[in-house]
PDB file of N, CA and C in Angstrom:
ATOM      1  N   UNK A   1      26.046 -75.558  71.771  1.00  0.00           N
ATOM      2  CA  UNK A   1      24.953 -75.605  72.582  1.00  0.00           C
ATOM      3  C   UNK A   1      25.378 -76.200  73.708  1.00  0.00           C
ATOM      4  N   UNK A   2      24.877 -75.167  74.976  1.00  0.00           N
ATOM      5  CA  UNK A   2      25.376 -75.591  76.542  1.00  0.00           C
ATOM      6  C   UNK A   2      23.794 -76.281  77.040  1.00  0.00           C
ATOM      7  N   UNK A   3      24.352 -76.969  77.954  1.00  0.00           N
ATOM      8  CA  UNK A   3      23.514 -77.640  78.810  1.00  0.00           C
ATOM      9  C   UNK A   3      23.497 -77.298  80.386  1.00  0.00           C
ATOM     10  N   UNK A   4      22.261 -76.585  80.516  1.00  0.00           N
ATOM     11  CA  UNK A   4      22.555 -76.296  81.979  1.00  0.00           C
ATOM     12  C   UNK A   4      21.806 -76.962  82.904  1.00  0.00           C
ATOM     13  N   UNK A   5      22.358 -76.752  83.955  1.00  0.00           N
ATOM     14  CA  UNK A   5      21.892 -77.836  85.187  1.00  0.00           C
ATOM     15  C   UNK A   5      20.399 -77.221  85.493  1.00  0.00           C
ATOM     16  N   UNK A   6      19.517 -78.097  86.149  1.00  0.00           N
ATOM     17  CA  UNK A   6      18.328 -77.926  86.412  1.00  0.00           C
ATOM     18  C   UNK A   6      18.266 -76.225  87.600  1.00  0.00           C
ATOM     19  N   UNK A   7      17.767 -75.699  87.771  1.00  0.00           N
ATOM     20  CA  UNK A   7      17.529 -74.471  88.580  1.00  0.00           C
ATOM     21  C   UNK A   7      16.675 -74.940  89.918  1.00  0.00           C
ATOM     22  N   UNK A   8      16.579 -76.001  90.218  1.00  0.00           N
ATOM     23  CA  UNK A   8      15.464 -76.382  91.127  1.00  0.00           C
ATOM     24  C   UNK A   8      16.174 -77.682  91.837  1.00  0.00           C
ATOM     25  N   UNK A   9      15.710 -78.168  92.883  1.00  0.00           N
ATOM     26  CA  UNK A   9      16.166 -79.234  93.671  1.00  0.00           C
ATOM     27  C   UNK A   9      14.940 -79.982  94.569  1.00  0.00           C
ATOM     28  N   UNK A  10      14.692 -81.049  94.553  1.00  0.00           N
ATOM     29  CA  UNK A  10      13.789 -81.464  95.532  1.00  0.00           C
ATOM     30  C   UNK A  10      14.068 -82.797  96.074  1.00  0.00           C
ATOM     31  N   UNK A  11      13.929 -82.656  97.300  1.00  0.00           N
ATOM     32  CA  UNK A  11      14.293 -83.550  98.467  1.00  0.00           C
ATOM     33  C   UNK A  11      13.285 -84.329  98.975  1.00  0.00           C
ATOM     34  N   UNK A  12      13.163 -85.656  99.049  1.00  0.00           N
ATOM     35  CA  UNK A  12      12.194 -86.115  99.942  1.00  0.00           C
ATOM     36  C   UNK A  12      12.413 -86.663 101.479  1.00  0.00           C
ATOM     37  N   UNK A  13      11.855 -86.557 102.411  1.00  0.00           N
ATOM     38  CA  UNK A  13      11.966 -87.137 103.640  1.00  0.00           C
ATOM     39  C   UNK A  13      10.866 -87.762 104.147  1.00  0.00           C
ATOM     40  N   UNK A  14      10.875 -88.866 104.099  1.00  0.00           N
ATOM     41  CA  UNK A  14       9.143 -89.466 104.950  1.00  0.00           C
ATOM     42  C   UNK A  14       8.306 -88.792 104.131  1.00  0.00           C
ATOM     43  N   UNK A  15       7.421 -87.908 104.717  1.00  0.00           N
ATOM     44  CA  UNK A  15       6.438 -87.489 104.002  1.00  0.00           C
ATOM     45  C   UNK A  15       6.361 -85.848 104.064  1.00  0.00           C
ATOM     46  N   UNK A  16       7.849 -85.511 103.748  1.00  0.00           N
ATOM     47  CA  UNK A  16       8.088 -84.390 103.760  1.00  0.00           C
ATOM     48  C   UNK A  16       8.924 -83.984 102.102  1.00  0.00           C
ATOM     49  N   UNK A  17       8.458 -83.389 101.223  1.00  0.00           N
ATOM     50  CA  UNK A  17       9.001 -82.976  99.957  1.00  0.00           C
ATOM     51  C   UNK A  17       9.297 -81.334 100.169  1.00  0.00           C
ATOM     52  N   UNK A  18      10.575 -81.413 100.353  1.00  0.00           N
ATOM     53  CA  UNK A  18      11.305 -79.933 100.244  1.00  0.00           C
ATOM     54  C   UNK A  18      12.055 -79.277  98.872  1.00  0.00           C
ATOM     55  N   UNK A  19      11.427 -78.401  98.582  1.00  0.00           N
ATOM     56  CA  UNK A  19      11.475 -77.605  97.323  1.00  0.00           C
ATOM     57  C   UNK A  19      12.408 -76.544  97.549  1.00  0.00           C
ATOM     58  N   UNK A  20      13.474 -76.361  96.335  1.00  0.00           N
ATOM     59  CA  UNK A  20      14.384 -75.345  96.438  1.00  0.00           C
ATOM     60  C   UNK A  20      14.774 -75.122  95.056  1.00  0.00           C
ATOM     61  N   UNK A  21      14.782 -73.487  94.914  1.00  0.00           N
ATOM     62  CA  UNK A  21      15.100 -72.981  93.588  1.00  0.00           C
ATOM     63  C   UNK A  21      14.044 -72.453  92.757  1.00  0.00           C
ATOM     64  N   UNK A  22      13.980 -72.823  91.510  1.00  0.00           N
ATOM     65  CA  UNK A  22      12.751 -72.119  90.615  1.00  0.00           C
ATOM     66  C   UNK A  22      12.003 -73.404  90.140  1.00  0.00           C
ATOM     67  N   UNK A  23      10.893 -73.214  90.207  1.00  0.00           N
ATOM     68  CA  UNK A  23       9.999 -74.187  89.798  1.00  0.00           C
ATOM     69  C   UNK A  23       9.063 -74.043  88.463  1.00  0.00           C
ATOM     70  N   UNK A  24       9.404 -74.265  87.358  1.00  0.00           N
ATOM     71  CA  UNK A  24       8.771 -73.929  86.146  1.00  0.00           C
ATOM     72  C   UNK A  24       8.683 -75.241  85.458  1.00  0.00           C
ATOM     73  N   UNK A  25       8.356 -75.091  83.910  1.00  0.00           N
ATOM     74  CA  UNK A  25       7.831 -76.021  82.985  1.00  0.00           C
ATOM     75  C   UNK A  25       9.100 -77.279  83.090  1.00  0.00           C
ATOM     76  N   UNK A  26      10.238 -76.822  83.549  1.00  0.00           N
ATOM     77  CA  UNK A  26      11.495 -77.923  83.406  1.00  0.00           C
ATOM     78  C   UNK A  26      11.114 -78.853  84.786  1.00  0.00           C
ATOM     79  N   UNK A  27      10.763 -78.436  85.675  1.00  0.00           N
ATOM     80  CA  UNK A  27      10.700 -79.055  86.994  1.00  0.00           C
ATOM     81  C   UNK A  27       9.207 -79.703  87.196  1.00  0.00           C
ATOM     82  N   UNK A  28       8.196 -79.516  86.397  1.00  0.00           N
ATOM     83  CA  UNK A  28       6.902 -80.139  86.364  1.00  0.00           C
ATOM     84  C   UNK A  28       7.065 -81.587  86.536  1.00  0.00           C
ATOM     85  N   UNK A  29       7.405 -82.280  85.811  1.00  0.00           N
ATOM     86  CA  UNK A  29       7.192 -83.958  85.625  1.00  0.00           C
ATOM     87  C   UNK A  29       7.809 -84.429  86.811  1.00  0.00           C
ATOM     88  N   UNK A  30       9.167 -83.993  87.344  1.00  0.00           N
ATOM     89  CA  UNK A  30       9.567 -84.320  88.519  1.00  0.00           C
ATOM     90  C   UNK A  30       9.046 -84.003  89.913  1.00  0.00           C
ATOM     91  N   UNK A  31       8.387 -82.876  89.933  1.00  0.00           N
ATOM     92  CA  UNK A  31       7.552 -82.524  90.994  1.00  0.00           C
ATOM     93  C   UNK A  31       6.444 -83.292  91.124  1.00  0.00           C
ATOM     94  N   UNK A  32       5.708 -83.534  90.000  1.00  0.00           N
ATOM     95  CA  UNK A  32       4.586 -84.464  90.063  1.00  0.00           C
ATOM     96  C   UNK A  32       4.821 -85.895  90.486  1.00  0.00           C
ATOM     97  N   UNK A  33       6.151 -86.334  89.923  1.00  0.00           N
ATOM     98  CA  UNK A  33       6.380 -87.886  90.332  1.00  0.00           C
ATOM     99  C   UNK A  33       6.917 -87.720  91.395  1.00  0.00           C
ATOM    100  N   UNK A  34       7.441 -86.941  91.978  1.00  0.00           N
ATOM    101  CA  UNK A  34       7.997 -86.916  93.518  1.00  0.00           C
ATOM    102  C   UNK A  34       6.783 -86.773  94.533  1.00  0.00           C
ATOM    103  N   UNK A  35       5.654 -86.181  94.396  1.00  0.00           N
ATOM    104  CA  UNK A  35       4.518 -85.950  94.854  1.00  0.00           C
ATOM    105  C   UNK A  35       3.919 -87.246  95.180  1.00  0.00           C
ATOM    106  N   UNK A  36       3.656 -87.865  93.846  1.00  0.00           N
ATOM    107  CA  UNK A  36       3.006 -89.226  93.779  1.00  0.00           C
ATOM    108  C   UNK A  36       3.719 -90.240  94.588  1.00  0.00           C
ATOM    109  N   UNK A  37       5.095 -90.321  94.340  1.00  0.00           N
ATOM    110  CA  UNK A  37       5.682 -91.237  95.131  1.00  0.00           C
ATOM    111  C   UNK A  37       5.220 -90.900  96.698  1.00  0.00           C
ATOM    112  N   UNK A  38       5.545 -89.764  97.040  1.00  0.00           N
ATOM    113  CA  UNK A  38       5.365 -89.412  98.641  1.00  0.00           C
ATOM    114  C   UNK A  38       4.124 -89.838  98.971  1.00  0.00           C
ATOM    115  N   UNK A  39       3.031 -89.682  98.227  1.00  0.00           N
ATOM    116  CA  UNK A  39       1.512 -89.973  98.525  1.00  0.00           C
ATOM    117  C   UNK A  39       1.577 -91.573  98.680  1.00  0.00           C
ATOM    118  N   UNK A  40       2.130 -92.204  97.579  1.00  0.00           N
ATOM    119  CA  UNK A  40       1.946 -93.800  98.005  1.00  0.00           C
ATOM    120  C   UNK A  40       2.642 -94.106  99.090  1.00  0.00           C
ATOM    121  N   UNK A  41       3.842 -93.640  99.410  1.00  0.00           N
ATOM    122  CA  UNK A  41       4.591 -93.963 100.828  1.00  0.00           C
ATOM    123  C   UNK A  41       3.907 -93.547 102.077  1.00  0.00           C
ATOM    124  N   UNK A  42       3.482 -92.562 101.727  1.00  0.00           N
ATOM    125  CA  UNK A  42       2.832 -92.056 102.997  1.00  0.00           C
ATOM    126  C   UNK A  42       1.869 -92.630 103.671  1.00  0.00           C
ATOM    127  N   UNK A  43       0.885 -93.338 102.884  1.00  0.00           N
ATOM    128  CA  UNK A  43       0.015 -94.340 103.649  1.00  0.00           C
ATOM    129  C   UNK A  43      -0.975 -93.003 104.098  1.00  0.00           C
ATOM    130  N   UNK A  44      -1.741 -93.474 104.983  1.00  0.00           N
ATOM    131  CA  UNK A  44      -2.909 -92.337 105.696  1.00  0.00           C
ATOM    132  C   UNK A  44      -2.304 -91.240 106.162  1.00  0.00           C
ATOM    133  N   UNK A  45      -0.780 -90.996 106.365  1.00  0.00           N
ATOM    134  CA  UNK A  45      -0.240 -89.824 106.988  1.00  0.00           C
ATOM    135  C   UNK A  45      -0.339 -88.809 105.905  1.00  0.00           C
ATOM    136  N   UNK A  46      -0.043 -87.390 106.572  1.00  0.00           N
ATOM    137  CA  UNK A  46       0.046 -86.226 105.531  1.00  0.00           C
ATOM    138  C   UNK A  46       1.338 -86.174 104.563  1.00  0.00           C
ATOM    139  N   UNK A  47       1.193 -85.565 103.495  1.00  0.00           N
ATOM    140  CA  UNK A  47       2.536 -85.268 102.923  1.00  0.00           C
ATOM    141  C   UNK A  47       2.542 -83.828 102.869  1.00  0.00           C
ATOM    142  N   UNK A  48       3.841 -83.311 103.655  1.00  0.00           N
ATOM    143  CA  UNK A  48       4.126 -81.823 103.666  1.00  0.00           C
ATOM    144  C   UNK A  48       4.933 -81.308 102.549  1.00  0.00           C
ATOM    145  N   UNK A  49       4.534 -80.299 101.931  1.00  0.00           N
ATOM    146  CA  UNK A  49       5.340 -79.706 100.676  1.00  0.00           C
ATOM    147  C   UNK A  49       5.738 -78.543 101.250  1.00  0.00           C
ATOM    148  N   UNK A  50       7.243 -78.412 101.408  1.00  0.00           N
ATOM    149  CA  UNK A  50       7.822 -77.172 102.115  1.00  0.00           C
ATOM    150  C   UNK A  50       8.746 -76.576 101.132  1.00  0.00           C
ATOM    151  N   UNK A  51       8.031 -75.253 101.012  1.00  0.00           N
ATOM    152  CA  UNK A  51       8.673 -74.394 100.194  1.00  0.00           C
ATOM    153  C   UNK A  51       9.581 -73.367 100.381  1.00  0.00           C
ATOM    154  N   UNK A  52      10.223 -73.735 101.624  1.00  0.00           N
ATOM    155  CA  UNK A  52      11.129 -72.918 102.556  1.00  0.00           C
ATOM    156  C   UNK A  52      12.361 -72.273 101.310  1.00  0.00           C
ATOM    157  N   UNK A  53      12.981 -72.978 100.579  1.00  0.00           N
ATOM    158  CA  UNK A  53      14.219 -72.450  99.762  1.00  0.00           C
ATOM    159  C   UNK A  53      13.654 -72.428  98.253  1.00  0.00           C
ATOM    160  N   UNK A  54      12.247 -72.477  98.063  1.00  0.00           N
ATOM    161  CA  UNK A  54      11.941 -72.192  96.575  1.00  0.00           C
ATOM    162  C   UNK A  54      12.093 -70.611  96.240  1.00  0.00           C
ATOM    163  N   UNK A  55      12.063 -70.474  95.271  1.00  0.00           N
ATOM    164  CA  UNK A  55      12.281 -68.868  94.966  1.00  0.00           C
ATOM    165  C   UNK A  55      11.188 -68.377  93.702  1.00  0.00           C
ATOM    166  N   UNK A  56      10.737 -69.524  93.185  1.00  0.00           N
ATOM    167  CA  UNK A  56       9.849 -69.126  91.807  1.00  0.00           C
ATOM    168  C   UNK A  56       9.142 -70.218  91.682  1.00  0.00           C
ATOM    169  N   UNK A  57       7.666 -69.893  91.289  1.00  0.00           N
ATOM    170  CA  UNK A  57       6.659 -70.866  90.932  1.00  0.00           C
ATOM    171  C   UNK A  57       5.921 -70.795  89.679  1.00  0.00           C
ATOM    172  N   UNK A  58       5.654 -71.340  88.407  1.00  0.00           N
ATOM    173  CA  UNK A  58       4.854 -70.876  87.549  1.00  0.00           C
ATOM    174  C   UNK A  58       3.834 -71.920  87.474  1.00  0.00           C
ATOM    175  N   UNK A  59       2.848 -71.459  86.462  1.00  0.00           N
ATOM    176  CA  UNK A  59       1.552 -72.207  86.544  1.00  0.00           C
ATOM    177  C   UNK A  59       2.015 -73.667  86.112  1.00  0.00           C
ATOM    178  N   UNK A  60       2.973 -74.412  85.485  1.00  0.00           N
ATOM    179  CA  UNK A  60       3.414 -75.616  85.170  1.00  0.00           C
ATOM    180  C   UNK A  60       3.425 -76.439  86.388  1.00  0.00           C
ATOM    181  N   UNK A  61       4.211 -75.622  87.259  1.00  0.00           N
ATOM    182  CA  UNK A  61       4.595 -76.451  88.514  1.00  0.00           C
ATOM    183  C   UNK A  61       3.271 -76.429  89.291  1.00  0.00           C
ATOM    184  N   UNK A  62       2.552 -75.554  89.388  1.00  0.00           N
ATOM    185  CA  UNK A  62       1.232 -75.224  90.371  1.00  0.00           C
ATOM    186  C   UNK A  62       0.384 -76.524  89.712  1.00  0.00           C
ATOM    187  N   UNK A  63       0.311 -76.772  88.321  1.00  0.00           N
ATOM    188  CA  UNK A  63      -0.394 -77.833  87.844  1.00  0.00           C
ATOM    189  C   UNK A  63       0.051 -79.031  88.545  1.00  0.00           C
ATOM    190  N   UNK A  64       1.282 -79.369  88.439  1.00  0.00           N
ATOM    191  CA  UNK A  64       2.001 -80.386  89.107  1.00  0.00           C
ATOM    192  C   UNK A  64       1.278 -80.975  90.503  1.00  0.00           C
ATOM    193  N   UNK A  65       1.285 -79.433  91.396  1.00  0.00           N
ATOM    194  CA  UNK A  65       0.978 -79.536  92.772  1.00  0.00           C
ATOM    195  C   UNK A  65      -0.605 -79.709  92.800  1.00  0.00           C
ATOM    196  N   UNK A  66      -1.399 -79.288  91.898  1.00  0.00           N
ATOM    197  CA  UNK A  66      -2.928 -79.977  92.223  1.00  0.00           C
ATOM    198  C   UNK A  66      -3.117 -81.207  91.416  1.00  0.00           C
ATOM    199  N   UNK A  67      -2.083 -81.726  90.743  1.00  0.00           N
ATOM    200  CA  UNK A  67      -2.196 -83.120  90.429  1.00  0.00           C
ATOM    201  C   UNK A  67      -2.039 -83.680  91.591  1.00  0.00           C
ATOM    202  N   UNK A  68      -1.048 -83.218  92.320  1.00  0.00           N
ATOM    203  CA  UNK A  68      -0.600 -84.197  93.384  1.00  0.00           C
ATOM    204  C   UNK A  68      -1.777 -84.030  94.570  1.00  0.00           C
ATOM    205  N   UNK A  69      -2.394 -83.019  94.977  1.00  0.00           N
ATOM    206  CA  UNK A  69      -3.267 -82.760  95.827  1.00  0.00           C
ATOM    207  C   UNK A  69      -4.431 -83.574  95.523  1.00  0.00           C
ATOM    208  N   UNK A  70      -4.876 -83.538  93.984  1.00  0.00           N
ATOM    209  CA  UNK A  70      -6.014 -84.635  93.535  1.00  0.00           C
ATOM    210  C   UNK A  70      -5.680 -85.926  94.084  1.00  0.00           C
ATOM    211  N   UNK A  71      -4.549 -86.337  93.709  1.00  0.00           N
ATOM    212  CA  UNK A  71      -4.141 -87.771  93.747  1.00  0.00           C
ATOM    213  C   UNK A  71      -3.995 -88.124  95.464  1.00  0.00           C
ATOM    214  N   UNK A  72      -3.703 -87.172  95.979  1.00  0.00           N
ATOM    215  CA  UNK A  72      -3.827 -87.420  97.427  1.00  0.00           C
ATOM    216  C   UNK A  72      -5.149 -87.795  98.170  1.00  0.00           C
ATOM    217  N   UNK A  73      -5.986 -87.020  97.712  1.00  0.00           N
ATOM    218  CA  UNK A  73      -7.450 -86.565  98.062  1.00  0.00           C
ATOM    219  C   UNK A  73      -7.850 -88.331  97.564  1.00  0.00           C
ATOM    220  N   UNK A  74      -7.531 -88.724  96.363  1.00  0.00           N
ATOM    221  CA  UNK A  74      -8.117 -90.021  96.015  1.00  0.00           C
ATOM    222  C   UNK A  74      -7.729 -91.196  96.572  1.00  0.00           C
ATOM    223  N   UNK A  75      -6.201 -90.899  97.178  1.00  0.00           N
ATOM    224  CA  UNK A  75      -5.613 -91.911  98.299  1.00  0.00           C
ATOM    225  C   UNK A  75      -5.972 -91.706  99.763  1.00  0.00           C
ATOM    226  N   UNK A  76      -6.852 -90.741  99.807  1.00  0.00           N
ATOM    227  CA  UNK A  76      -7.115 -90.615 101.378  1.00  0.00           C
ATOM    228  C   UNK A  76      -5.709 -89.755 102.315  1.00  0.00           C
ATOM    229  N   UNK A  77      -5.191 -89.145 101.633  1.00  0.00           N
ATOM    230  CA  UNK A  77      -3.681 -88.812 102.026  1.00  0.00           C
ATOM    231  C   UNK A  77      -3.775 -87.147 101.910  1.00  0.00           C
ATOM    232  N   UNK A  78      -3.798 -86.221 102.715  1.00  0.00           N
ATOM    233  CA  UNK A  78      -3.591 -85.094 102.815  1.00  0.00           C
ATOM    234  C   UNK A  78      -2.232 -84.292 102.499  1.00  0.00           C
ATOM    235  N   UNK A  79      -2.238 -83.307 101.560  1.00  0.00           N
ATOM    236  CA  UNK A  79      -1.000 -82.786 101.277  1.00  0.00           C
ATOM    237  C   UNK A  79      -1.289 -81.299 102.066  1.00  0.00           C
ATOM    238  N   UNK A  80      -0.438 -80.931 102.500  1.00  0.00           N
ATOM    239  CA  UNK A  80      -0.176 -79.620 102.983  1.00  0.00           C
ATOM    240  C   UNK A  80       0.914 -78.713 102.436  1.00  0.00           C
ATOM    241  N   UNK A  81       0.766 -77.522 102.328  1.00  0.00           N
ATOM    242  CA  UNK A  81       2.097 -76.830 102.184  1.00  0.00           C
ATOM    243  C   UNK A  81       2.378 -75.846 103.031  1.00  0.00           C
ATOM    244  N   UNK A  82       3.613 -75.645 103.428  1.00  0.00           N
ATOM    245  CA  UNK A  82       4.308 -74.935 104.518  1.00  0.00           C
ATOM    246  C   UNK A  82       5.484 -73.822 103.706  1.00  0.00           C
ATOM    247  N   UNK A  83       5.603 -73.008 104.588  1.00  0.00           N
ATOM    248  CA  UNK A  83       6.830 -72.028 104.453  1.00  0.00           C
ATOM    249  C   UNK A  83       6.961 -71.612 102.807  1.00  0.00           C
ATOM    250  N   UNK A  84       5.676 -71.403 102.349  1.00  0.00           N
ATOM    251  CA  UNK A  84       5.592 -70.454 101.030  1.00  0.00           C
ATOM    252  C   UNK A  84       5.843 -68.921 101.430  1.00  0.00           C
ATOM    253  N   UNK A  85       6.841 -68.330 101.001  1.00  0.00           N
ATOM    254  CA  UNK A  85       7.006 -66.916 101.113  1.00  0.00           C
ATOM    255  C   UNK A  85       7.291 -66.173  99.949  1.00  0.00           C
ATOM    256  N   UNK A  86       7.379 -64.963 100.057  1.00  0.00           N
ATOM    257  CA  UNK A  86       7.657 -63.802  98.945  1.00  0.00           C
ATOM    258  C   UNK A  86       6.859 -64.387  97.922  1.00  0.00           C
ATOM    259  N   UNK A  87       7.464 -64.192  96.484  1.00  0.00           N
ATOM    260  CA  UNK A  87       6.740 -64.630  94.945  1.00  0.00           C
ATOM    261  C   UNK A  87       6.138 -65.856  95.309  1.00  0.00           C
ATOM    262  N   UNK A  88       6.716 -66.752  95.744  1.00  0.00           N
ATOM    263  CA  UNK A  88       6.063 -67.961  95.777  1.00  0.00           C
ATOM    264  C   UNK A  88       4.771 -67.956  96.491  1.00  0.00           C
ATOM    265  N   UNK A  89       4.506 -67.419  97.670  1.00  0.00           N
ATOM    266  CA  UNK A  89       3.602 -67.361  98.487  1.00  0.00           C
ATOM    267  C   UNK A  89       2.562 -66.561  97.582  1.00  0.00           C
ATOM    268  N   UNK A  90       2.852 -65.568  97.221  1.00  0.00           N
ATOM    269  CA  UNK A  90       1.957 -64.611  96.385  1.00  0.00           C
ATOM    270  C   UNK A  90       1.382 -65.194  95.077  1.00  0.00           C
ATOM    271  N   UNK A  91       2.150 -66.094  94.444  1.00  0.00           N
ATOM    272  CA  UNK A  91       1.514 -66.758  93.031  1.00  0.00           C
ATOM    273  C   UNK A  91       0.315 -67.834  93.779  1.00  0.00           C
ATOM    274  N   UNK A  92       0.830 -68.579  94.954  1.00  0.00           N
ATOM    275  CA  UNK A  92      -0.180 -69.613  95.520  1.00  0.00           C
ATOM    276  C   UNK A  92      -1.326 -69.013  95.624  1.00  0.00           C
ATOM    277  N   UNK A  93      -1.156 -67.777  96.674  1.00  0.00           N
ATOM    278  CA  UNK A  93      -2.292 -67.067  97.008  1.00  0.00           C
ATOM    279  C   UNK A  93      -3.173 -66.427  95.903  1.00  0.00           C
ATOM    280  N   UNK A  94      -2.632 -65.581  94.968  1.00  0.00           N
ATOM    281  CA  UNK A  94      -3.324 -65.072  94.011  1.00  0.00           C
ATOM    282  C   UNK A  94      -4.013 -66.205  93.018  1.00  0.00           C
ATOM    283  N   UNK A  95      -3.639 -67.309  92.817  1.00  0.00           N
ATOM    284  CA  UNK A  95      -3.953 -67.931  91.998  1.00  0.00           C
ATOM    285  C   UNK A  95      -5.254 -69.019  92.433  1.00  0.00           C
ATOM    286  N   UNK A  96      -5.259 -68.977  93.805  1.00  0.00           N
ATOM    287  CA  UNK A  96      -6.144 -70.020  94.758  1.00  0.00           C
ATOM    288  C   UNK A  96      -5.738 -71.348  95.235  1.00  0.00           C
ATOM    289  N   UNK A  97      -4.223 -71.400  94.755  1.00  0.00           N
ATOM    290  CA  UNK A  97      -3.928 -72.848  95.118  1.00  0.00           C
ATOM    291  C   UNK A  97      -3.813 -73.102  96.853  1.00  0.00           C
ATOM    292  N   UNK A  98      -3.290 -72.147  97.185  1.00  0.00           N
ATOM    293  CA  UNK A  98      -3.140 -72.084  98.585  1.00  0.00           C
ATOM    294  C   UNK A  98      -4.948 -72.619  99.391  1.00  0.00           C
ATOM    295  N   UNK A  99      -5.724 -71.905  98.705  1.00  0.00           N
ATOM    296  CA  UNK A  99      -7.090 -72.160  99.358  1.00  0.00           C
ATOM    297  C   UNK A  99      -7.484 -73.566  99.110  1.00  0.00           C
ATOM    298  N   UNK A 100      -7.105 -73.969  97.707  1.00  0.00           N
ATOM    299  CA  UNK A 100      -7.496 -75.535  97.611  1.00  0.00           C
ATOM    300  C   UNK A 100      -6.375 -76.486  98.891  1.00  0.00           C
ATOM    301  N   UNK A 101      -5.579 -76.199  98.947  1.00  0.00           N
ATOM    302  CA  UNK A 101      -4.671 -76.924 100.000  1.00  0.00           C
ATOM    303  C   UNK A 101      -5.170 -76.940 101.361  1.00  0.00           C
ATOM    304  N   UNK A 102      -5.699 -75.506 101.672  1.00  0.00           N
ATOM    305  CA  UNK A 102      -6.400 -75.609 103.107  1.00  0.00           C
ATOM    306  C   UNK A 102      -7.831 -75.771 103.102  1.00  0.00           C
ATOM    307  N   UNK A 103      -8.527 -76.295 102.311  1.00  0.00           N
ATOM    308  CA  UNK A 103      -9.838 -76.779 102.028  1.00  0.00           C
ATOM    309  C   UNK A 103      -9.875 -78.260 102.908  1.00  0.00           C
TER     310      UNK A 103
END
């Protein structure tokens, strides 16, 4: 049995969460945890979720984004998605998640 490295990377800088790679069920928990940590650290400032280097996003990872969005709303910390492009942008758009973040 081979153990593979994750196909995603999450980097948090101040109130920016930078995503790189493929975000699927394997990344869900870490994405949710990172977003919640960023929300609590950001205080009243916004949290920017930067998808510039993300190549794939599935429904599990979108669930983590929505959980983060809801937690941010409860804490009074807005979340914003930036640099979503290609397949990631399409998935966020068709699913209505982009509209949730822009509401």
